[in-house]
Amino acid sequence: MDLSKEREKIIHAIGATNLKNCLRRMLLIRNFEIRAEAAYQHGKIGGFFHSYIGQEAIQTSIVEALGPNNWYTTTYRCHALALLLGEPPEELMAELFGRITGNAKGRGGSMHFFSKRLLGGFGIVGGQIPIATGAAFTLKYKKIKNEISVCFLGDGAVPQGAFHESLNLAALWNLPCLYVIENNRWGMGTAVERAVSVPRLAEDKAAGYGMKGYTFDGTDFFACYAGFKRIYEEILETGRPVLVEVIAERFKGHSISDPGHYRAKETLRQLVDERDPIALVQKTLLDTGIVTEAEVVAFNNEMKEKVLAAIAYADKSPWPDPVTLEEDVFSP
């Protein structure tokens, strides 16, 4: 067993039971994405579809470190976060299928999941950043001290005006917001270094707003957990915003229609072989004796069956009545 002292502390702090549950959640996300993508290819799902495969360690670690009782906003790559915040796979799959039993009654589709603490997935690049900043303002205005606002965004949102305006106000007004740039290296098909003028998206950008910035390895669950836990405590204590960059690489194209010709197959194959976040967690838990090979297989089979049941549920669910299309629409 070759574990650093720091990693041993993290493992002890999380505990064996919670670590097993984190692995199960990551396997649920992976199975959900794989089988939802297959359903899309069979014509069961329409519209857009953005897979989270390759990034599972990031949001799993942050929900484990911070807990579900904060305010979360995210991008159109929102399936994982909704699952992590407790939304049933059946309702999420039904939403992908456009059925009335879906998370948003079949009206939102892949990019617009919600929960009691998830303020939504957003189809507009950077559209969630002002919403998350507003949630942080609400927490400060109402003097709620034990919660923060967490905003996930992609590297492609960093050049957007909404990003800069939001961070400026958050720093100016001392808002308890954690901005997490999930840098998966590609904004659609454009490499991040060809789209953003600085190499360190957190440290370099945060400095311009008087904020702290940190960078984590987004494929390393344990490094992410430790970093997010420390930053969460910092924000609760100071009430100040923090910017974090987590570096990973999505294993699929930008969306289901993207063949990903902008990167070599050999490079991607090497990434999958060496930096799969689920395989890395499994290895650590196996090396420490927290799980056995049989348990890993059982967990994966359990999550596979859960997702297959969700697909069956979605397929049997009724379509929305077109008469109800304009219900629940807010217009001032």
Protein backbone atom coordinates (compact mmCIF):
# COMPACT_ATOMS: atom_id res chain seq x y z
CA MET A 1 0.00 0.00 0.00
CA ASP A 2 1.65 3.22 -1.18
CA LEU A 3 -0.43 6.10 0.11
CA SER A 4 0.76 9.50 1.21
CA LYS A 5 0.02 10.55 4.78
CA GLU A 6 -2.28 13.26 3.47
CA ARG A 7 -4.31 10.79 1.45
CA GLU A 8 -4.58 8.46 4.41
CA LYS A 9 -6.00 11.36 6.45
CA ILE A 10 -8.56 12.12 3.74
CA ILE A 11 -9.64 8.47 3.55
CA HIS A 12 -9.99 8.32 7.32
CA ALA A 13 -11.95 11.59 7.39
CA ILE A 14 -14.47 10.43 4.77
CA GLY A 15 -14.83 6.92 6.19
CA ALA A 16 -15.22 3.56 4.54
CA THR A 17 -19.03 3.63 4.29
CA ASN A 18 -19.11 7.08 2.69
CA LEU A 19 -16.32 6.16 0.29
CA LYS A 20 -18.26 3.12 -0.87
CA ASN A 21 -21.30 5.33 -1.42
CA CYS A 22 -19.20 7.82 -3.39
CA LEU A 23 -18.01 5.02 -5.65
CA ARG A 24 -21.58 3.86 -6.13
CA ARG A 25 -22.67 7.40 -7.05
CA MET A 26 -19.87 7.70 -9.60
CA LEU A 27 -20.87 4.37 -11.09
CA LEU A 28 -24.51 5.53 -11.20
CA ILE A 29 -23.46 8.64 -13.15
CA ARG A 30 -21.35 6.58 -15.58
CA ASN A 31 -24.09 4.01 -16.18
CA PHE A 32 -26.73 6.73 -16.56
CA GLU A 33 -24.69 8.53 -19.20
CA ILE A 34 -23.74 5.40 -21.13
CA ARG A 35 -27.28 4.06 -21.33
CA ALA A 36 -28.92 7.42 -21.92
CA GLU A 37 -26.55 7.97 -24.84
CA ALA A 38 -27.54 4.57 -26.23
CA ALA A 39 -31.21 5.50 -25.86
CA TYR A 40 -30.51 8.73 -27.77
CA GLN A 41 -28.89 6.78 -30.59
CA HIS A 42 -31.99 4.56 -30.75
CA GLY A 43 -34.20 7.61 -31.21
CA LYS A 44 -35.70 7.58 -27.70
CA ILE A 45 -34.23 10.97 -26.81
CA GLY A 46 -34.19 14.14 -28.89
CA GLY A 47 -32.62 17.57 -28.66
CA PHE A 48 -29.18 18.07 -27.12
CA PHE A 49 -27.22 15.64 -24.96
CA HIS A 50 -23.94 16.43 -23.16
CA SER A 51 -22.18 13.59 -21.34
CA TYR A 52 -20.31 13.99 -18.04
CA ILE A 53 -18.17 10.87 -18.54
CA GLY A 54 -14.59 11.52 -17.41
CA GLN A 55 -15.50 14.26 -14.92
CA GLU A 56 -17.37 12.22 -12.29
CA ALA A 57 -14.84 12.84 -9.49
CA ILE A 58 -15.42 16.61 -9.47
CA GLN A 59 -19.08 16.95 -8.57
CA THR A 60 -19.15 13.73 -6.53
CA SER A 61 -16.34 15.03 -4.33
CA ILE A 62 -17.83 18.49 -3.86
CA VAL A 63 -21.28 17.20 -2.86
CA GLU A 64 -19.62 14.78 -0.44
CA ALA A 65 -17.42 17.55 1.00
CA LEU A 66 -20.06 20.30 1.25
CA GLY A 67 -23.28 18.30 1.56
CA PRO A 68 -26.48 18.81 -0.42
CA ASN A 69 -27.83 21.73 1.64
CA ASN A 70 -26.19 24.52 -0.33
CA TRP A 71 -27.39 26.21 -3.53
CA TYR A 72 -26.08 24.71 -6.75
CA THR A 73 -26.14 25.91 -10.35
CA THR A 74 -24.49 24.27 -13.32
CA THR A 75 -24.16 24.06 -17.09
CA TYR A 76 -26.11 22.07 -19.64
CA ARG A 77 -23.93 19.09 -18.58
CA CYS A 78 -26.25 18.66 -15.60
CA HIS A 79 -27.19 14.97 -15.32
CA ALA A 80 -24.55 14.12 -12.71
CA LEU A 81 -25.31 16.95 -10.31
CA ALA A 82 -29.04 16.21 -10.33
CA LEU A 83 -28.32 12.57 -9.48
CA LEU A 84 -25.89 13.58 -6.72
CA LEU A 85 -28.47 15.92 -5.19
CA GLY A 86 -30.95 13.09 -4.89
CA GLU A 87 -33.17 13.31 -7.96
CA PRO A 88 -34.49 9.83 -8.87
CA PRO A 89 -32.94 8.33 -12.02
CA GLU A 90 -36.47 7.46 -13.21
CA GLU A 91 -37.56 11.11 -13.25
CA LEU A 92 -34.36 12.25 -14.92
CA MET A 93 -34.54 9.59 -17.61
CA ALA A 94 -38.21 10.39 -18.18
CA GLU A 95 -37.21 14.02 -18.68
CA LEU A 96 -34.71 12.97 -21.33
CA PHE A 97 -37.49 10.99 -22.99
CA GLY A 98 -39.72 14.09 -22.91
CA ARG A 99 -42.38 12.44 -20.75
CA ILE A 100 -44.84 14.03 -18.31
CA THR A 101 -43.29 12.08 -15.39
CA GLY A 102 -39.97 13.78 -16.02
CA ASN A 103 -38.05 16.12 -13.77
CA ALA A 104 -39.48 19.17 -15.58
CA LYS A 105 -42.60 17.47 -16.96
CA GLY A 106 -40.77 16.71 -20.19
CA ARG A 107 -40.28 20.38 -21.04
CA GLY A 108 -36.63 20.89 -20.20
CA GLY A 109 -34.87 17.86 -21.65
CA SER A 110 -31.22 17.07 -21.12
CA MET A 111 -29.96 20.58 -20.36
CA HIS A 112 -32.48 21.75 -17.75
CA PHE A 113 -32.64 19.48 -14.69
CA PHE A 114 -33.70 20.93 -11.34
CA SER A 115 -34.00 19.88 -7.71
CA LYS A 116 -34.81 21.53 -4.38
CA ARG A 117 -31.22 22.76 -4.20
CA LEU A 118 -30.27 22.75 -7.88
CA LEU A 119 -31.30 26.05 -9.44
CA GLY A 120 -31.03 24.48 -12.84
CA GLY A 121 -28.85 23.37 -15.67
CA PHE A 122 -28.44 26.22 -18.16
CA GLY A 123 -28.27 25.94 -21.94
CA ILE A 124 -26.74 29.39 -22.37
CA VAL A 125 -22.98 29.41 -21.88
CA GLY A 126 -22.35 31.35 -18.67
CA GLY A 127 -26.07 31.90 -18.06
CA GLN A 128 -25.92 30.24 -14.64
CA ILE A 129 -23.12 32.44 -13.28
CA PRO A 130 -25.26 35.52 -12.47
CA ILE A 131 -27.94 33.21 -11.01
CA ALA A 132 -25.40 31.64 -8.65
CA THR A 133 -24.14 35.10 -7.71
CA GLY A 134 -27.71 36.15 -6.96
CA ALA A 135 -28.15 33.09 -4.74
CA ALA A 136 -25.03 34.10 -2.82
CA PHE A 137 -26.40 37.64 -2.48
CA THR A 138 -29.65 36.20 -1.07
CA LEU A 139 -27.73 34.19 1.52
CA LYS A 140 -25.88 37.31 2.64
CA TYR A 141 -29.01 39.49 2.58
CA LYS A 142 -30.92 36.98 4.71
CA LYS A 143 -27.90 36.50 7.01
CA ILE A 144 -27.79 32.74 6.39
CA LYS A 145 -24.34 31.80 7.65
CA ASN A 146 -24.20 28.02 7.18
CA GLU A 147 -24.78 27.81 3.42
CA ILE A 148 -22.99 28.95 0.29
CA SER A 149 -23.74 29.16 -3.42
CA VAL A 150 -21.82 26.78 -5.70
CA CYS A 151 -21.53 27.55 -9.40
CA PHE A 152 -20.15 25.09 -11.95
CA LEU A 153 -19.02 26.43 -15.30
CA GLY A 154 -16.89 25.23 -18.18
CA ASP A 155 -13.63 26.68 -19.43
CA GLY A 156 -15.55 27.99 -22.44
CA ALA A 157 -17.53 30.33 -20.16
CA VAL A 158 -14.45 32.10 -18.79
CA PRO A 159 -14.26 34.65 -21.66
CA GLN A 160 -17.97 35.48 -21.30
CA GLY A 161 -18.95 38.88 -19.92
CA ALA A 162 -21.30 37.32 -17.39
CA PHE A 163 -18.32 35.58 -15.77
CA HIS A 164 -16.40 38.81 -15.24
CA GLU A 165 -19.37 40.88 -14.12
CA SER A 166 -20.44 38.22 -11.64
CA LEU A 167 -16.99 37.76 -10.10
CA ASN A 168 -16.53 41.52 -9.84
CA LEU A 169 -19.81 41.93 -7.92
CA ALA A 170 -19.17 38.86 -5.75
CA ALA A 171 -15.78 40.24 -4.70
CA LEU A 172 -17.08 43.79 -4.32
CA TRP A 173 -20.01 42.76 -2.13
CA ASN A 174 -18.28 39.88 -0.26
CA LEU A 175 -20.66 37.15 -1.40
CA PRO A 176 -20.31 33.51 -0.24
CA CYS A 177 -19.97 31.92 -3.68
CA LEU A 178 -17.70 29.11 -4.85
CA TYR A 179 -17.12 29.30 -8.60
CA VAL A 180 -15.83 26.01 -10.03
CA ILE A 181 -14.38 25.99 -13.54
CA GLU A 182 -14.56 22.43 -14.84
CA ASN A 183 -11.73 22.71 -17.34
CA ASN A 184 -12.18 19.68 -19.59
CA ARG A 185 -9.68 21.21 -22.02
CA TRP A 186 -12.14 21.84 -24.85
CA GLY A 187 -14.74 24.58 -25.27
CA MET A 188 -16.80 22.67 -27.82
CA GLY A 189 -13.96 21.87 -30.26
CA THR A 190 -11.58 24.70 -29.34
CA ALA A 191 -8.58 23.94 -27.11
CA VAL A 192 -8.63 26.08 -23.96
CA GLU A 193 -5.20 27.59 -24.67
CA ARG A 194 -6.57 28.99 -27.94
CA ALA A 195 -9.56 30.61 -26.25
CA VAL A 196 -8.34 31.97 -22.89
CA SER A 197 -5.39 34.35 -22.68
CA VAL A 198 -3.92 33.06 -19.40
CA PRO A 199 -2.74 29.53 -18.57
CA ARG A 200 -4.11 29.35 -15.00
CA LEU A 201 -7.84 29.97 -15.18
CA ALA A 202 -8.34 30.30 -11.42
CA GLU A 203 -5.21 31.92 -10.04
CA ASP A 204 -4.72 34.35 -12.93
CA LYS A 205 -8.36 35.42 -13.20
CA ALA A 206 -9.08 35.51 -9.47
CA ALA A 207 -6.21 37.92 -8.84
CA GLY A 208 -7.93 40.56 -10.95
CA TYR A 209 -10.88 40.59 -8.55
CA GLY A 210 -9.01 40.33 -5.27
CA MET A 211 -10.21 36.75 -4.83
CA LYS A 212 -8.36 33.58 -3.94
CA GLY A 213 -7.88 31.04 -6.71
CA TYR A 214 -6.93 27.36 -6.59
CA THR A 215 -6.27 24.56 -9.09
CA PHE A 216 -7.02 20.86 -8.53
CA ASP A 217 -6.61 17.65 -10.49
CA GLY A 218 -10.21 16.95 -11.52
CA THR A 219 -9.55 13.25 -12.04
CA ASP A 220 -8.38 12.78 -8.43
CA PHE A 221 -11.42 12.41 -6.16
CA PHE A 222 -9.36 12.65 -2.97
CA ALA A 223 -7.49 15.81 -3.97
CA CYS A 224 -10.78 17.42 -4.98
CA TYR A 225 -12.50 16.42 -1.74
CA ALA A 226 -9.71 17.80 0.43
CA GLY A 227 -9.53 21.05 -1.53
CA PHE A 228 -13.26 21.68 -1.62
CA LYS A 229 -13.64 20.85 2.07
CA ARG A 230 -10.97 23.39 3.02
CA ILE A 231 -12.39 26.08 0.72
CA TYR A 232 -15.94 25.53 1.98
CA GLU A 233 -14.79 26.17 5.55
CA GLU A 234 -12.89 29.24 4.34
CA ILE A 235 -15.95 30.72 2.62
CA LEU A 236 -18.17 30.06 5.64
CA GLU A 237 -15.63 31.85 7.84
CA THR A 238 -14.83 34.82 5.58
CA GLY A 239 -17.99 35.20 3.49
CA ARG A 240 -15.71 35.84 0.52
CA PRO A 241 -16.00 34.26 -2.95
CA VAL A 242 -13.38 31.80 -4.22
CA LEU A 243 -12.53 30.68 -7.76
CA VAL A 244 -11.37 27.10 -8.40
CA GLU A 245 -10.17 25.40 -11.57
CA VAL A 246 -10.44 21.61 -11.73
CA ILE A 247 -8.62 20.08 -14.68
CA ALA A 248 -10.04 16.94 -16.26
CA GLU A 249 -10.88 15.79 -19.76
CA ARG A 250 -14.24 14.64 -21.00
CA PHE A 251 -14.07 11.23 -22.62
CA LYS A 252 -16.84 12.04 -25.10
CA GLY A 253 -17.40 14.81 -27.59
CA HIS A 254 -18.80 18.17 -26.55
CA SER A 255 -22.26 16.79 -27.26
CA ILE A 256 -23.61 13.63 -28.77
CA SER A 257 -23.32 15.11 -32.27
CA ASP A 258 -19.60 15.87 -31.84
CA PRO A 259 -17.28 13.14 -33.26
CA GLY A 260 -14.27 14.77 -31.55
CA HIS A 261 -11.95 14.78 -34.57
CA TYR A 262 -9.93 17.62 -33.00
CA ARG A 263 -8.04 15.19 -30.74
CA ALA A 264 -6.16 12.03 -31.62
CA LYS A 265 -7.79 8.71 -30.78
CA GLU A 266 -4.52 7.49 -29.29
CA THR A 267 -4.38 10.46 -26.92
CA LEU A 268 -7.95 9.89 -25.76
CA ARG A 269 -7.36 6.16 -25.34
CA GLN A 270 -4.33 6.90 -23.14
CA LEU A 271 -6.36 9.33 -21.03
CA VAL A 272 -9.10 6.76 -20.51
CA ASP A 273 -6.55 4.11 -19.59
CA GLU A 274 -4.53 6.26 -17.20
CA ARG A 275 -6.84 8.98 -15.81
CA ASP A 276 -10.32 7.48 -15.57
CA PRO A 277 -11.55 9.01 -12.27
CA ILE A 278 -13.65 5.98 -11.40
CA ALA A 279 -10.79 3.54 -12.02
CA LEU A 280 -8.51 5.71 -9.85
CA VAL A 281 -10.97 5.69 -6.94
CA GLN A 282 -11.52 1.96 -7.30
CA LYS A 283 -7.78 1.31 -7.21
CA THR A 284 -7.33 3.29 -4.01
CA LEU A 285 -10.27 1.59 -2.30
CA LEU A 286 -9.03 -1.82 -3.42
CA ASP A 287 -5.46 -1.10 -2.28
CA THR A 288 -6.68 -0.03 1.17
CA GLY A 289 -9.03 -2.99 1.53
CA ILE A 290 -12.08 -0.75 1.79
CA VAL A 291 -13.73 -2.65 -1.07
CA THR A 292 -13.16 -5.99 -2.72
CA GLU A 293 -13.21 -6.84 -6.42
CA ALA A 294 -16.53 -8.61 -5.87
CA GLU A 295 -18.03 -5.49 -4.30
CA VAL A 296 -16.91 -3.30 -7.20
CA VAL A 297 -18.60 -5.67 -9.65
CA ALA A 298 -21.72 -5.78 -7.47
CA PHE A 299 -21.88 -1.98 -7.21
CA ASN A 300 -21.60 -1.59 -10.96
CA ASN A 301 -24.27 -4.21 -11.60
CA GLU A 302 -26.54 -2.54 -9.06
CA MET A 303 -26.22 0.84 -10.77
CA LYS A 304 -26.66 -0.72 -14.20
CA GLU A 305 -29.93 -2.34 -13.13
CA LYS A 306 -31.08 0.92 -11.55
CA VAL A 307 -30.53 2.77 -14.83
CA LEU A 308 -32.15 0.04 -16.92
CA ALA A 309 -35.19 0.26 -14.64
CA ALA A 310 -35.20 4.03 -15.17
CA ILE A 311 -35.20 3.54 -18.93
CA ALA A 312 -38.10 1.10 -18.69
CA TYR A 313 -39.99 3.59 -16.52
CA ALA A 314 -39.37 6.43 -18.96
CA ASP A 315 -40.36 4.35 -21.97
CA LYS A 316 -43.72 3.46 -20.39
CA SER A 317 -44.47 6.96 -19.12
CA PRO A 318 -47.13 9.02 -20.95
CA TRP A 319 -46.38 11.97 -23.19
CA PRO A 320 -47.42 15.45 -22.00
CA ASP A 321 -50.75 16.77 -23.25
CA PRO A 322 -49.98 19.65 -25.69
CA VAL A 323 -52.82 21.60 -24.05
CA THR A 324 -50.65 21.99 -20.92
CA LEU A 325 -47.68 23.46 -22.80
CA GLU A 326 -48.17 27.03 -21.57
CA GLU A 327 -48.86 26.10 -17.96
CA ASP A 328 -46.31 27.13 -15.31
CA VAL A 329 -44.76 29.69 -17.65
CA PHE A 330 -43.85 32.91 -15.89
CA SER A 331 -43.92 36.11 -17.90
CA PRO A 332 -43.93 39.56 -16.28
